[in-house]
């Protein structure tokens, strides 16, 4: 079967197709792809069996990451938690994967990575793709009344902290102004230092805001005029996706983060959303996984897969140098930490 390539940023069929496909999500959208290109210069491409001038019936979207540090590869998609393969049959999926395998075998890429939200192990084996990483993925259905959603929250770890936030008179502001973005980024820098990793560059978040418009919301909790916690969510169709969160640990006992999540849950429900995507969690991060459980989220395994030549793939994030970098990130000045993020994220993808 003939295969075609298209640019999803210039081909108007792509966004229409993503809107129509039942598995189309925020990370497939041209907004996400444009922000990746404008920030990191990643070039998007879609592989499809649909020829020019006809409606799309399936497609696999990737970004080409070309780095002198980590090599050249195709990723579906960089910095996305998950990105399903939008195909209509296993036969089509097999044809597209075989085409990608030939592309990689020609020496153009070190590896090709998929990040589907679900794929049976037996099906992955039949495609000849190997599991590369595993995470947890939490999702919260919003099919209950708001009051019932509140009762599903863990009484001690979530409900009690929300009431504490109310007693502390924390205020809540949601929008996408430059001031909210600035307050979010100040908290992000503080949080990333606490975790010994650099923050993404500020222009990544500004590009997301520009590319998504009112589908992006910055949620901030304040104690008087001091930002104590902040979250960025993205909206696509009937799903609200939690993407970034941060806080000031000096105010942790005020319950700012549970308070914000409850505001997001209730706002999403009242706006007609049917699901809150709580995003991926490292399996080793038991504390974050437990927090999402206590919000009422249902967990599932999230596996990433790669096509690669045996022994050719080494994840720079898990290299021998990672502990040394973390130690350095915990103590370098803010300006250097931010500059480190600008340098490193371009190569990580």
Protein backbone atom coordinates (compact mmCIF):
# COMPACT_ATOMS: atom_id res chain seq x y z
CA UNK A 1 0.00 0.00 0.00
CA UNK A 2 1.41 3.46 -0.88
CA UNK A 3 2.50 5.67 2.02
CA UNK A 4 2.57 9.45 2.14
CA UNK A 5 4.09 12.14 4.35
CA UNK A 6 2.44 15.43 5.23
CA UNK A 7 3.25 18.48 7.30
CA UNK A 8 0.51 18.78 9.97
CA UNK A 9 1.22 22.50 10.42
CA UNK A 10 0.38 23.34 6.80
CA UNK A 11 -2.06 20.59 5.83
CA UNK A 12 -5.51 21.71 6.94
CA UNK A 13 -6.77 18.11 6.94
CA UNK A 14 -4.77 17.23 10.04
CA UNK A 15 -6.64 19.20 12.70
CA UNK A 16 -9.98 18.20 11.20
CA UNK A 17 -8.90 14.56 11.35
CA UNK A 18 -7.68 14.83 14.96
CA UNK A 19 -11.00 16.40 15.97
CA UNK A 20 -12.93 13.57 14.31
CA UNK A 21 -10.84 10.64 15.50
CA UNK A 22 -12.06 9.15 18.83
CA UNK A 23 -8.45 8.82 20.06
CA UNK A 24 -7.36 12.28 18.90
CA UNK A 25 -6.00 14.31 21.80
CA UNK A 26 -4.29 17.50 22.82
CA UNK A 27 -0.81 16.22 21.97
CA UNK A 28 -1.82 15.42 18.37
CA UNK A 29 -3.05 18.95 17.79
CA UNK A 30 -1.24 21.50 15.65
CA UNK A 31 -1.05 23.78 18.72
CA UNK A 32 1.25 21.33 20.51
CA UNK A 33 3.26 20.68 17.34
CA UNK A 34 3.68 24.38 16.60
CA UNK A 35 4.86 25.10 20.15
CA UNK A 36 7.44 22.29 19.82
CA UNK A 37 8.69 23.71 16.53
CA UNK A 38 8.78 27.32 17.69
CA UNK A 39 10.58 26.50 20.95
CA UNK A 40 12.86 23.58 20.10
CA UNK A 41 12.92 23.59 16.27
CA UNK A 42 11.49 20.05 16.13
CA UNK A 43 10.04 19.39 12.69
CA UNK A 44 6.68 17.52 12.68
CA UNK A 45 5.71 14.89 10.10
CA UNK A 46 2.71 12.61 9.66
CA UNK A 47 2.92 9.23 7.94
CA UNK A 48 -0.37 8.12 6.37
CA UNK A 49 -1.89 5.85 3.72
CA UNK A 50 -4.23 8.69 2.67
CA UNK A 51 -3.07 10.42 -0.49
CA UNK A 52 -3.25 14.15 -1.24
CA UNK A 53 -6.63 15.84 -1.72
CA UNK A 54 -8.65 13.13 0.06
CA UNK A 55 -9.84 13.12 3.67
CA UNK A 56 -7.39 11.54 6.12
CA UNK A 57 -8.41 8.17 7.51
CA UNK A 58 -5.33 7.50 9.65
CA UNK A 59 -1.98 8.94 10.58
CA UNK A 60 1.08 8.57 12.82
CA UNK A 61 2.52 11.92 13.90
CA UNK A 62 6.16 12.38 14.89
CA UNK A 63 8.68 15.11 15.48
CA UNK A 64 12.22 14.84 14.21
CA UNK A 65 14.70 15.57 16.99
CA UNK A 66 18.13 16.30 15.53
CA UNK A 67 20.66 16.71 18.34
CA UNK A 68 24.45 16.56 18.36
CA UNK A 69 24.22 15.40 21.98
CA UNK A 70 21.54 12.69 21.84
CA UNK A 71 21.37 11.86 18.15
CA UNK A 72 18.75 12.07 15.44
CA UNK A 73 15.45 10.32 16.06
CA UNK A 74 11.69 10.36 15.51
CA UNK A 75 9.53 10.75 18.64
CA UNK A 76 5.74 10.60 18.90
CA UNK A 77 5.73 13.09 20.51
CA UNK A 78 8.37 15.04 22.47
CA UNK A 79 7.30 16.14 25.99
CA UNK A 80 3.89 14.53 25.52
CA UNK A 81 2.66 12.15 28.21
CA UNK A 82 1.06 9.92 25.58
CA UNK A 83 0.22 10.07 21.88
CA UNK A 84 -1.91 7.33 20.34
CA UNK A 85 -1.40 5.95 16.85
CA UNK A 86 -4.43 7.21 14.92
CA UNK A 87 -4.98 4.21 12.64
CA UNK A 88 -8.10 2.40 11.52
CA UNK A 89 -6.86 -1.21 11.60
CA UNK A 90 -3.99 -3.37 12.83
CA UNK A 91 -3.10 -4.04 9.19
CA UNK A 92 -2.57 -0.34 8.53
CA UNK A 93 -0.58 -0.02 11.73
CA UNK A 94 1.67 -2.87 10.66
CA UNK A 95 2.28 -1.30 7.23
CA UNK A 96 3.20 2.05 8.76
CA UNK A 97 5.50 0.49 11.35
CA UNK A 98 7.23 -1.56 8.64
CA UNK A 99 7.79 1.62 6.65
CA UNK A 100 9.31 3.32 9.71
CA UNK A 101 11.53 0.30 10.35
CA UNK A 102 12.91 0.58 6.81
CA UNK A 103 13.50 4.31 7.29
CA UNK A 104 15.46 3.66 10.47
CA UNK A 105 17.41 0.76 8.96
CA UNK A 106 18.62 3.11 6.24
CA UNK A 107 20.64 4.85 8.96
CA UNK A 108 18.67 8.09 9.14
CA UNK A 109 17.65 7.73 12.81
CA UNK A 110 19.06 6.17 15.99
CA UNK A 111 15.59 5.08 17.03
CA UNK A 112 11.88 5.76 16.57
CA UNK A 113 9.71 6.07 19.68
CA UNK A 114 5.95 5.60 20.18
CA UNK A 115 4.01 6.73 23.25
CA UNK A 116 0.53 5.17 22.99
CA UNK A 117 -1.80 5.43 25.96
CA UNK A 118 -2.48 1.71 25.63
CA UNK A 119 -1.07 -1.14 23.56
CA UNK A 120 -1.38 -4.84 24.30
CA UNK A 121 1.98 -6.52 24.86
CA UNK A 122 1.16 -9.24 22.34
CA UNK A 123 0.27 -6.63 19.71
CA UNK A 124 3.50 -4.70 20.35
CA UNK A 125 5.43 -7.95 19.94
CA UNK A 126 3.67 -8.67 16.65
CA UNK A 127 4.71 -5.22 15.42
CA UNK A 128 8.29 -5.95 16.42
CA UNK A 129 8.62 -2.93 18.72
CA UNK A 130 10.33 -3.16 22.11
CA UNK A 131 9.12 -1.57 25.32
CA UNK A 132 11.54 1.17 26.37
CA UNK A 133 10.01 2.85 29.44
CA UNK A 134 7.01 2.38 31.71
CA UNK A 135 4.98 4.89 33.72
CA UNK A 136 1.63 5.18 35.45
CA UNK A 137 -1.19 7.15 33.81
CA UNK A 138 -4.08 8.49 35.90
CA UNK A 139 -7.46 9.59 34.58
CA UNK A 140 -10.43 10.97 36.51
CA UNK A 141 -13.94 10.54 35.01
CA UNK A 142 -16.18 13.54 35.58
CA UNK A 143 -19.49 11.71 35.15
CA UNK A 144 -20.70 12.34 38.72
CA UNK A 145 -22.27 15.48 40.22
CA UNK A 146 -19.78 17.95 41.69
CA UNK A 147 -20.75 17.04 45.25
CA UNK A 148 -20.11 13.36 44.61
CA UNK A 149 -16.74 14.14 43.04
CA UNK A 150 -15.80 15.96 46.24
CA UNK A 151 -16.85 12.98 48.34
CA UNK A 152 -14.56 10.74 46.25
CA UNK A 153 -11.55 12.78 47.33
CA UNK A 154 -9.51 11.25 50.13
CA UNK A 155 -11.01 12.63 53.33
CA UNK A 156 -7.79 13.21 55.25
CA UNK A 157 -5.20 13.89 52.54
CA UNK A 158 -7.35 15.96 50.14
CA UNK A 159 -10.66 17.12 51.66
CA UNK A 160 -9.07 18.21 54.94
CA UNK A 161 -6.38 20.20 53.09
CA UNK A 162 -8.95 21.91 50.89
CA UNK A 163 -10.80 23.05 54.01
CA UNK A 164 -7.47 24.23 55.46
CA UNK A 165 -6.87 26.30 52.32
CA UNK A 166 -10.30 27.85 52.73
CA UNK A 167 -9.58 28.69 56.38
CA UNK A 168 -6.30 30.26 55.26
CA UNK A 169 -8.36 32.42 52.84
CA UNK A 170 -6.36 31.29 49.81
CA UNK A 171 -7.67 32.95 46.67
CA UNK A 172 -7.91 31.40 43.22
CA UNK A 173 -7.22 33.05 39.88
CA UNK A 174 -7.44 31.32 36.49
CA UNK A 175 -6.53 32.76 33.09
CA UNK A 176 -3.61 33.15 30.70
CA UNK A 177 -2.20 36.62 31.36
CA UNK A 178 1.54 37.33 31.34
CA UNK A 179 1.39 37.99 35.09
CA UNK A 180 -0.09 34.55 35.77
CA UNK A 181 2.56 32.96 33.56
CA UNK A 182 5.28 34.85 35.41
CA UNK A 183 3.95 33.73 38.79
CA UNK A 184 3.70 30.15 37.52
CA UNK A 185 7.28 30.24 36.27
CA UNK A 186 8.66 31.61 39.53
CA UNK A 187 7.08 28.66 41.34
CA UNK A 188 8.27 26.24 38.66
CA UNK A 189 11.86 27.41 39.10
CA UNK A 190 11.55 26.88 42.85
CA UNK A 191 10.02 23.41 42.41
CA UNK A 192 12.54 22.22 39.82
CA UNK A 193 15.42 23.31 42.04
CA UNK A 194 13.84 21.31 44.87
CA UNK A 195 13.79 18.28 42.57
CA UNK A 196 17.33 18.99 41.28
CA UNK A 197 16.31 19.39 37.63
CA UNK A 198 16.30 22.53 35.46
CA UNK A 199 13.03 24.21 34.40
CA UNK A 200 11.85 24.33 30.82
CA UNK A 201 12.59 27.69 29.20
CA UNK A 202 9.99 30.38 29.84
CA UNK A 203 9.37 30.85 26.12
CA UNK A 204 8.10 27.24 25.95
CA UNK A 205 5.17 28.23 28.18
CA UNK A 206 4.66 31.50 26.35
CA UNK A 207 4.57 29.60 23.04
CA UNK A 208 2.07 27.13 24.49
CA UNK A 209 -0.13 30.04 25.56
CA UNK A 210 0.13 31.65 22.11
CA UNK A 211 -0.51 28.41 20.21
CA UNK A 212 -3.41 27.16 22.35
CA UNK A 213 -5.15 30.43 23.16
CA UNK A 214 -8.08 29.95 25.51
CA UNK A 215 -7.56 26.17 25.52
CA UNK A 216 -4.67 26.77 27.95
CA UNK A 217 -5.36 27.91 31.49
CA UNK A 218 -2.95 28.95 34.24
CA UNK A 219 -4.43 28.28 37.69
CA UNK A 220 -2.79 30.05 40.65
CA UNK A 221 -3.51 29.93 44.39
CA UNK A 222 -2.54 33.04 46.39
CA UNK A 223 -2.07 33.87 50.05
CA UNK A 224 -2.87 37.57 49.86
CA UNK A 225 -0.59 38.53 46.93
CA UNK A 226 1.92 35.67 47.31
CA UNK A 227 1.59 32.84 44.75
CA UNK A 228 1.77 29.54 46.66
CA UNK A 229 0.83 26.95 44.01
CA UNK A 230 0.19 26.93 40.26
CA UNK A 231 -0.97 24.49 37.59
CA UNK A 232 -1.24 24.64 33.79
CA UNK A 233 -4.05 22.70 32.10
CA UNK A 234 -4.89 22.16 28.43
CA UNK A 235 -8.39 21.56 27.04
CA UNK A 236 -9.20 19.46 23.97
CA UNK A 237 -12.71 18.31 23.10
CA UNK A 238 -14.18 16.94 26.35
CA UNK A 239 -10.88 16.32 28.16
CA UNK A 240 -8.96 18.66 30.45
CA UNK A 241 -5.29 17.68 30.76
CA UNK A 242 -3.13 18.51 33.77
CA UNK A 243 0.31 19.20 32.31
CA UNK A 244 2.49 21.23 34.71
CA UNK A 245 2.29 21.89 38.43
CA UNK A 246 4.51 23.64 40.96
CA UNK A 247 4.39 25.13 44.45
CA UNK A 248 6.23 27.02 47.15
CA UNK A 249 7.19 24.49 49.83
CA UNK A 250 7.20 27.22 52.49
CA UNK A 251 3.39 27.32 52.25
CA UNK A 252 2.79 23.58 51.79
CA UNK A 253 0.82 23.28 55.04
CA UNK A 254 -1.84 25.65 53.65
CA UNK A 255 -3.12 23.05 51.17
CA UNK A 256 -2.61 25.12 48.03
CA UNK A 257 -2.11 22.21 45.64
CA UNK A 258 -5.15 20.13 46.71
CA UNK A 259 -7.16 23.36 46.70
CA UNK A 260 -6.11 24.06 43.08
CA UNK A 261 -6.89 20.53 41.92
CA UNK A 262 -10.36 20.76 43.42
CA UNK A 263 -10.93 24.08 41.62
CA UNK A 264 -9.79 22.46 38.35
CA UNK A 265 -12.04 19.42 38.87
CA UNK A 266 -15.11 21.50 39.67
CA UNK A 267 -14.44 24.03 36.88
CA UNK A 268 -13.91 21.21 34.35
CA UNK A 269 -17.14 19.50 35.41
CA UNK A 270 -19.12 22.74 35.25
CA UNK A 271 -17.73 23.49 31.76
CA UNK A 272 -18.99 20.17 30.37
CA UNK A 273 -15.70 18.24 30.37
CA UNK A 274 -16.08 14.49 30.79
CA UNK A 275 -12.56 13.59 31.91
CA UNK A 276 -9.53 15.01 33.69
CA UNK A 277 -6.27 13.54 32.40
CA UNK A 278 -3.91 13.64 35.39
CA UNK A 279 -0.87 12.76 33.29
CA UNK A 280 1.97 10.30 33.65
CA UNK A 281 3.91 9.49 36.80
CA UNK A 282 7.26 7.78 37.22
CA UNK A 283 6.62 4.36 38.74
CA UNK A 284 9.25 5.10 41.40
CA UNK A 285 7.41 8.28 42.46
CA UNK A 286 5.07 6.59 44.91
CA UNK A 287 4.12 9.86 46.60
CA UNK A 288 2.81 11.51 43.42
CA UNK A 289 1.03 8.31 42.35
CA UNK A 290 -0.68 8.09 45.75
CA UNK A 291 -1.73 11.77 45.52
CA UNK A 292 -3.42 11.14 42.15
CA UNK A 293 -5.10 8.03 43.57
CA UNK A 294 -6.48 10.17 46.38
CA UNK A 295 -7.94 12.64 43.90
CA UNK A 296 -10.04 9.73 42.62
CA UNK A 297 -7.91 9.02 39.55
CA UNK A 298 -7.90 5.54 38.04
CA UNK A 299 -4.40 4.30 37.23
CA UNK A 300 -3.18 2.23 34.30
CA UNK A 301 0.22 1.24 32.94
CA UNK A 302 1.67 3.52 30.28
CA UNK A 303 4.36 1.90 28.13
CA UNK A 304 6.58 3.56 25.54
CA UNK A 305 7.99 1.55 22.64
CA UNK A 306 10.96 1.92 20.31
CA UNK A 307 12.20 0.64 17.00
CA UNK A 308 15.96 0.55 17.29
CA UNK A 309 19.05 -1.42 16.42
CA UNK A 310 20.16 -3.64 19.31
CA UNK A 311 22.50 -1.86 21.68
CA UNK A 312 22.27 1.55 20.00
CA UNK A 313 19.96 3.39 22.38
CA UNK A 314 21.19 5.00 25.59
CA UNK A 315 18.92 7.39 27.45
CA UNK A 316 20.91 10.47 28.41
CA UNK A 317 18.61 11.00 31.41
CA UNK A 318 19.76 7.66 32.86
CA UNK A 319 23.43 7.94 32.08
CA UNK A 320 26.25 7.87 34.65
CA UNK A 321 26.36 11.67 34.53
CA UNK A 322 22.76 12.16 35.70
CA UNK A 323 23.53 12.07 39.49
CA UNK A 324 26.35 14.58 39.01
CA UNK A 325 24.06 16.90 37.05
CA UNK A 326 21.34 16.68 39.69
CA UNK A 327 23.84 17.60 42.38
CA UNK A 328 24.95 20.62 40.38
CA UNK A 329 21.38 21.73 39.59
CA UNK A 330 20.53 21.82 43.30
CA UNK A 331 23.06 24.55 44.08
CA UNK A 332 23.80 26.66 40.99
CA UNK A 333 22.38 30.22 40.74
CA UNK A 334 18.90 30.70 39.27
CA UNK A 335 20.20 32.31 36.08
CA UNK A 336 22.50 29.35 35.43
CA UNK A 337 19.73 26.85 36.24
CA UNK A 338 17.40 28.51 33.72
CA UNK A 339 20.18 28.61 31.10
CA UNK A 340 20.81 24.90 31.70
CA UNK A 341 17.15 24.18 30.90
CA UNK A 342 17.36 26.15 27.67
CA UNK A 343 20.36 24.07 26.65
CA UNK A 344 19.29 20.60 27.78
CA UNK A 345 15.61 20.35 26.84
CA UNK A 346 16.39 20.94 23.18
CA UNK A 347 18.37 17.67 23.24
CA UNK A 348 16.10 15.55 25.42
CA UNK A 349 12.83 15.55 23.50
